[in-house]
Amino acid sequence: MLCGMSEKSKIRDRRSPVATAVGERVKACRIAADKSQEELAYEAYLDRTRVSAIERGVANPTVETLATICHVLGITLSDLFEPLALSLKPFGKHRRTTAPQPRRRALR
């Protein structure tokens, strides 16, 4: 670690604001449902480490996974997302398949 970031810093940099907000909301709903990560993972057919990664905002779960988590917690997807008020610009870099915008010159 002489000239690099720590592992925790690298993980923090990979988290998107959306994944972080959703993870915090999943954790709050899990606690409100009085379930441990282990119980949620077992009932949702997930690994406990996956639940932990979702709650920390490191994992980017599919809508299907979130729907399963919501079912186990006794809430709807709309209940999960309702308090989240996020409007963000696109996160990350352009994909390689995205063509660059052409530069146009004015005709003389």
N, C-alpha and C. Protein backbone atom coordinates (compact mmCIF):
# COMPACT_ATOMS: atom_id res chain seq x y z
N MET A 1 0.80 -1.19 0.00
CA MET A 1 0.00 0.00 0.00
C MET A 1 0.85 1.26 0.00
N LEU A 2 2.01 1.16 -0.50
CA LEU A 2 2.89 2.32 -0.53
C LEU A 2 2.40 3.41 -1.47
N CYS A 3 1.94 3.05 -2.64
CA CYS A 3 1.57 4.08 -3.60
C CYS A 3 0.15 3.91 -4.11
N GLY A 4 -0.71 3.25 -3.38
CA GLY A 4 -2.07 3.03 -3.86
C GLY A 4 -3.11 3.33 -2.80
N MET A 5 -4.34 3.13 -3.22
CA MET A 5 -5.45 3.32 -2.30
C MET A 5 -5.64 2.07 -1.47
N SER A 6 -6.24 2.24 -0.31
CA SER A 6 -6.57 1.07 0.49
C SER A 6 -7.74 0.35 -0.17
N GLU A 7 -7.95 -0.90 0.22
CA GLU A 7 -9.05 -1.68 -0.35
C GLU A 7 -10.40 -1.02 -0.04
N LYS A 8 -10.56 -0.49 1.17
CA LYS A 8 -11.82 0.17 1.52
C LYS A 8 -12.06 1.40 0.64
N SER A 9 -11.02 2.15 0.35
CA SER A 9 -11.16 3.32 -0.52
C SER A 9 -11.57 2.91 -1.92
N LYS A 10 -11.00 1.83 -2.42
CA LYS A 10 -11.34 1.36 -3.74
C LYS A 10 -12.81 0.94 -3.80
N ILE A 11 -13.27 0.24 -2.77
CA ILE A 11 -14.67 -0.18 -2.72
C ILE A 11 -15.57 1.04 -2.65
N ARG A 12 -15.24 2.01 -1.82
CA ARG A 12 -16.05 3.21 -1.70
C ARG A 12 -16.17 3.93 -3.03
N ASP A 13 -15.09 3.95 -3.82
CA ASP A 13 -15.11 4.63 -5.11
C ASP A 13 -15.98 3.91 -6.13
N ARG A 14 -16.20 2.62 -5.97
CA ARG A 14 -17.01 1.86 -6.92
C ARG A 14 -18.50 1.98 -6.65
N ARG A 15 -18.89 2.54 -5.53
CA ARG A 15 -20.30 2.63 -5.18
C ARG A 15 -20.95 3.80 -5.91
N SER A 16 -22.07 3.55 -6.55
CA SER A 16 -22.82 4.63 -7.16
C SER A 16 -23.76 5.20 -6.10
N PRO A 17 -24.12 6.47 -6.24
CA PRO A 17 -25.06 7.05 -5.27
C PRO A 17 -26.40 6.33 -5.24
N VAL A 18 -26.84 5.83 -6.36
CA VAL A 18 -28.11 5.10 -6.42
C VAL A 18 -28.00 3.79 -5.65
N ALA A 19 -26.95 3.02 -5.92
CA ALA A 19 -26.76 1.74 -5.21
C ALA A 19 -26.62 1.96 -3.71
N THR A 20 -25.95 3.03 -3.33
CA THR A 20 -25.79 3.35 -1.92
C THR A 20 -27.13 3.67 -1.27
N ALA A 21 -27.94 4.49 -1.94
CA ALA A 21 -29.25 4.88 -1.40
C ALA A 21 -30.19 3.66 -1.31
N VAL A 22 -30.19 2.83 -2.34
CA VAL A 22 -31.03 1.63 -2.33
C VAL A 22 -30.56 0.68 -1.23
N GLY A 23 -29.26 0.52 -1.08
CA GLY A 23 -28.73 -0.34 -0.03
C GLY A 23 -29.11 0.12 1.36
N GLU A 24 -29.02 1.42 1.58
CA GLU A 24 -29.42 1.97 2.89
C GLU A 24 -30.90 1.73 3.14
N ARG A 25 -31.70 1.85 2.09
CA ARG A 25 -33.15 1.64 2.23
C ARG A 25 -33.46 0.16 2.50
N VAL A 26 -32.77 -0.74 1.82
CA VAL A 26 -32.96 -2.17 2.07
C VAL A 26 -32.62 -2.49 3.52
N LYS A 27 -31.53 -1.93 4.00
CA LYS A 27 -31.12 -2.18 5.39
C LYS A 27 -32.16 -1.65 6.37
N ALA A 28 -32.67 -0.44 6.12
CA ALA A 28 -33.68 0.15 7.02
C ALA A 28 -34.95 -0.71 7.04
N CYS A 29 -35.36 -1.20 5.87
CA CYS A 29 -36.56 -2.04 5.80
C CYS A 29 -36.32 -3.40 6.47
N ARG A 30 -35.11 -3.93 6.32
CA ARG A 30 -34.78 -5.20 6.97
C ARG A 30 -34.84 -5.06 8.48
N ILE A 31 -34.28 -3.98 8.99
CA ILE A 31 -34.29 -3.74 10.43
C ILE A 31 -35.72 -3.53 10.92
N ALA A 32 -36.52 -2.78 10.15
CA ALA A 32 -37.92 -2.55 10.53
C ALA A 32 -38.70 -3.86 10.54
N ALA A 33 -38.33 -4.80 9.68
CA ALA A 33 -38.98 -6.10 9.65
C ALA A 33 -38.42 -7.05 10.71
N ASP A 34 -37.46 -6.58 11.48
CA ASP A 34 -36.84 -7.34 12.56
C ASP A 34 -36.21 -8.64 12.04
N LYS A 35 -35.46 -8.51 10.95
CA LYS A 35 -34.77 -9.67 10.38
C LYS A 35 -33.28 -9.41 10.36
N SER A 36 -32.51 -10.45 10.54
CA SER A 36 -31.06 -10.36 10.40
C SER A 36 -30.71 -10.52 8.92
N GLN A 37 -29.47 -10.20 8.59
CA GLN A 37 -29.02 -10.43 7.22
C GLN A 37 -29.11 -11.92 6.88
N GLU A 38 -28.80 -12.76 7.82
CA GLU A 38 -28.86 -14.20 7.60
C GLU A 38 -30.28 -14.66 7.29
N GLU A 39 -31.24 -14.16 8.07
CA GLU A 39 -32.64 -14.55 7.85
C GLU A 39 -33.13 -14.07 6.48
N LEU A 40 -32.81 -12.81 6.15
CA LEU A 40 -33.22 -12.27 4.86
C LEU A 40 -32.59 -13.08 3.73
N ALA A 41 -31.32 -13.37 3.85
CA ALA A 41 -30.62 -14.12 2.81
C ALA A 41 -31.24 -15.51 2.63
N TYR A 42 -31.51 -16.19 3.72
CA TYR A 42 -32.09 -17.53 3.65
C TYR A 42 -33.45 -17.51 2.97
N GLU A 43 -34.30 -16.58 3.39
CA GLU A 43 -35.66 -16.53 2.85
C GLU A 43 -35.71 -16.03 1.41
N ALA A 44 -34.72 -15.25 1.01
CA ALA A 44 -34.69 -14.70 -0.36
C ALA A 44 -33.80 -15.53 -1.29
N TYR A 45 -33.28 -16.66 -0.79
CA TYR A 45 -32.40 -17.54 -1.57
C TYR A 45 -31.15 -16.80 -2.06
N LEU A 46 -30.58 -16.00 -1.16
CA LEU A 46 -29.35 -15.26 -1.46
C LEU A 46 -28.28 -15.66 -0.45
N ASP A 47 -27.06 -15.34 -0.76
CA ASP A 47 -25.97 -15.53 0.19
C ASP A 47 -25.95 -14.33 1.13
N ARG A 48 -25.58 -14.53 2.38
CA ARG A 48 -25.55 -13.42 3.32
C ARG A 48 -24.58 -12.32 2.87
N THR A 49 -23.48 -12.72 2.26
CA THR A 49 -22.52 -11.72 1.79
C THR A 49 -23.11 -10.87 0.67
N ARG A 50 -24.02 -11.45 -0.10
CA ARG A 50 -24.70 -10.68 -1.16
C ARG A 50 -25.62 -9.64 -0.53
N VAL A 51 -26.35 -10.02 0.50
CA VAL A 51 -27.21 -9.07 1.21
C VAL A 51 -26.36 -7.94 1.79
N SER A 52 -25.25 -8.29 2.38
CA SER A 52 -24.34 -7.29 2.95
C SER A 52 -23.84 -6.34 1.86
N ALA A 53 -23.45 -6.90 0.72
CA ALA A 53 -22.94 -6.06 -0.38
C ALA A 53 -24.03 -5.12 -0.91
N ILE A 54 -25.27 -5.60 -0.98
CA ILE A 54 -26.38 -4.74 -1.41
C ILE A 54 -26.57 -3.61 -0.42
N GLU A 55 -26.59 -3.93 0.86
CA GLU A 55 -26.81 -2.92 1.89
C GLU A 55 -25.69 -1.89 1.94
N ARG A 56 -24.47 -2.29 1.60
CA ARG A 56 -23.34 -1.35 1.59
C ARG A 56 -23.25 -0.55 0.30
N GLY A 57 -24.07 -0.91 -0.69
CA GLY A 57 -24.05 -0.19 -1.95
C GLY A 57 -22.96 -0.64 -2.89
N VAL A 58 -22.34 -1.77 -2.59
CA VAL A 58 -21.27 -2.31 -3.43
C VAL A 58 -21.87 -3.12 -4.57
N ALA A 59 -22.91 -3.88 -4.29
CA ALA A 59 -23.58 -4.69 -5.31
C ALA A 59 -24.69 -3.88 -5.96
N ASN A 60 -24.95 -4.21 -7.21
CA ASN A 60 -26.01 -3.56 -7.97
C ASN A 60 -27.06 -4.63 -8.29
N PRO A 61 -28.02 -4.85 -7.38
CA PRO A 61 -28.96 -5.95 -7.56
C PRO A 61 -29.92 -5.71 -8.72
N THR A 62 -30.41 -6.81 -9.29
CA THR A 62 -31.41 -6.70 -10.34
C THR A 62 -32.75 -6.34 -9.71
N VAL A 63 -33.67 -5.90 -10.54
CA VAL A 63 -35.02 -5.60 -10.06
C VAL A 63 -35.66 -6.87 -9.52
N GLU A 64 -35.39 -7.99 -10.15
CA GLU A 64 -35.92 -9.27 -9.69
C GLU A 64 -35.43 -9.60 -8.27
N THR A 65 -34.14 -9.37 -8.02
CA THR A 65 -33.59 -9.61 -6.68
C THR A 65 -34.24 -8.67 -5.67
N LEU A 66 -34.38 -7.40 -6.04
CA LEU A 66 -35.03 -6.44 -5.13
C LEU A 66 -36.48 -6.82 -4.87
N ALA A 67 -37.18 -7.32 -5.89
CA ALA A 67 -38.56 -7.75 -5.71
C ALA A 67 -38.65 -8.92 -4.73
N THR A 68 -37.71 -9.85 -4.83
CA THR A 68 -37.67 -10.97 -3.91
C THR A 68 -37.40 -10.50 -2.49
N ILE A 69 -36.44 -9.59 -2.33
CA ILE A 69 -36.14 -9.03 -1.02
C ILE A 69 -37.37 -8.33 -0.44
N CYS A 70 -38.05 -7.56 -1.28
CA CYS A 70 -39.26 -6.86 -0.82
C CYS A 70 -40.33 -7.85 -0.37
N HIS A 71 -40.50 -8.93 -1.13
CA HIS A 71 -41.50 -9.94 -0.75
C HIS A 71 -41.19 -10.51 0.63
N VAL A 72 -39.93 -10.84 0.85
CA VAL A 72 -39.51 -11.40 2.15
C VAL A 72 -39.74 -10.38 3.27
N LEU A 73 -39.51 -9.11 2.98
CA LEU A 73 -39.67 -8.07 4.01
C LEU A 73 -41.13 -7.61 4.17
N GLY A 74 -42.01 -8.11 3.31
CA GLY A 74 -43.42 -7.76 3.42
C GLY A 74 -43.74 -6.36 2.91
N ILE A 75 -42.96 -5.89 1.94
CA ILE A 75 -43.21 -4.58 1.35
C ILE A 75 -43.24 -4.72 -0.17
N THR A 76 -43.64 -3.66 -0.86
CA THR A 76 -43.64 -3.67 -2.32
C THR A 76 -42.41 -2.92 -2.82
N LEU A 77 -42.12 -3.09 -4.10
CA LEU A 77 -41.03 -2.32 -4.70
C LEU A 77 -41.30 -0.83 -4.57
N SER A 78 -42.54 -0.46 -4.72
CA SER A 78 -42.89 0.96 -4.59
C SER A 78 -42.63 1.45 -3.17
N ASP A 79 -42.87 0.61 -2.15
CA ASP A 79 -42.55 0.98 -0.77
C ASP A 79 -41.05 1.19 -0.60
N LEU A 80 -40.28 0.34 -1.28
CA LEU A 80 -38.82 0.42 -1.18
C LEU A 80 -38.30 1.73 -1.78
N PHE A 81 -38.80 2.07 -2.97
CA PHE A 81 -38.27 3.23 -3.68
C PHE A 81 -38.95 4.55 -3.34
N GLU A 82 -40.12 4.51 -2.76
CA GLU A 82 -40.92 5.72 -2.54
C GLU A 82 -40.17 6.84 -1.80
N PRO A 83 -39.45 6.56 -0.73
CA PRO A 83 -38.78 7.67 -0.04
C PRO A 83 -37.49 8.14 -0.71
N LEU A 84 -37.04 7.43 -1.74
CA LEU A 84 -35.79 7.81 -2.41
C LEU A 84 -36.09 8.88 -3.45
N ALA A 85 -35.46 10.01 -3.29
CA ALA A 85 -35.65 11.12 -4.23
C ALA A 85 -34.31 11.41 -4.90
N LEU A 86 -33.95 10.58 -5.87
CA LEU A 86 -32.67 10.73 -6.55
C LEU A 86 -32.89 11.08 -8.01
N SER A 87 -32.17 12.05 -8.45
CA SER A 87 -32.14 12.39 -9.86
C SER A 87 -30.69 12.67 -10.17
N LEU A 88 -30.06 11.73 -10.84
CA LEU A 88 -28.62 11.82 -11.04
C LEU A 88 -28.24 11.79 -12.50
N LYS A 89 -27.12 12.43 -12.78
CA LYS A 89 -26.57 12.31 -14.12
C LYS A 89 -26.03 10.89 -14.27
N PRO A 90 -25.82 10.43 -15.51
CA PRO A 90 -25.29 9.08 -15.69
C PRO A 90 -23.98 8.89 -14.94
N PHE A 91 -23.82 7.71 -14.36
CA PHE A 91 -22.66 7.39 -13.54
C PHE A 91 -21.72 6.50 -14.33
N GLY A 92 -20.45 6.78 -14.28
CA GLY A 92 -19.47 5.93 -14.94
C GLY A 92 -19.01 6.50 -16.27
N LYS A 93 -18.28 5.68 -16.98
CA LYS A 93 -17.70 6.09 -18.26
C LYS A 93 -18.60 5.64 -19.40
N HIS A 94 -18.38 6.25 -20.57
CA HIS A 94 -19.10 5.80 -21.76
C HIS A 94 -18.65 4.40 -22.11
N ARG A 95 -19.55 3.64 -22.62
CA ARG A 95 -19.20 2.29 -23.05
C ARG A 95 -18.44 2.36 -24.36
N ARG A 96 -17.69 1.35 -24.61
CA ARG A 96 -16.93 1.29 -25.86
C ARG A 96 -17.84 1.28 -27.07
N THR A 97 -19.03 0.74 -26.91
CA THR A 97 -19.95 0.65 -28.05
C THR A 97 -20.64 1.98 -28.33
N THR A 98 -20.46 2.96 -27.47
CA THR A 98 -21.08 4.26 -27.68
C THR A 98 -20.20 5.04 -28.66
N ALA A 99 -20.80 5.43 -29.75
CA ALA A 99 -20.04 6.16 -30.76
C ALA A 99 -19.82 7.60 -30.30
N PRO A 100 -18.64 8.14 -30.53
CA PRO A 100 -18.40 9.53 -30.17
C PRO A 100 -19.23 10.46 -31.05
N GLN A 101 -19.56 11.60 -30.53
CA GLN A 101 -20.32 12.58 -31.30
C GLN A 101 -19.42 13.18 -32.37
N PRO A 102 -19.88 13.22 -33.62
CA PRO A 102 -19.04 13.79 -34.68
C PRO A 102 -18.91 15.30 -34.52
N ARG A 103 -17.76 15.80 -34.88
CA ARG A 103 -17.56 17.25 -34.88
C ARG A 103 -17.97 17.77 -36.24
N ARG A 104 -18.75 18.79 -36.24
CA ARG A 104 -19.23 19.35 -37.50
C ARG A 104 -18.61 20.71 -37.73
N ARG A 105 -18.31 20.97 -38.98
CA ARG A 105 -17.77 22.28 -39.37
C ARG A 105 -18.83 23.05 -40.13
N ALA A 106 -18.78 24.33 -39.98
CA ALA A 106 -19.69 25.18 -40.74
C ALA A 106 -19.24 25.22 -42.19
N LEU A 107 -20.20 25.24 -43.10
CA LEU A 107 -19.89 25.35 -44.52
C LEU A 107 -19.50 26.79 -44.84
N ARG A 108 -18.57 26.95 -45.79
CA ARG A 108 -18.18 28.31 -46.17
C ARG A 108 -18.99 28.80 -47.31
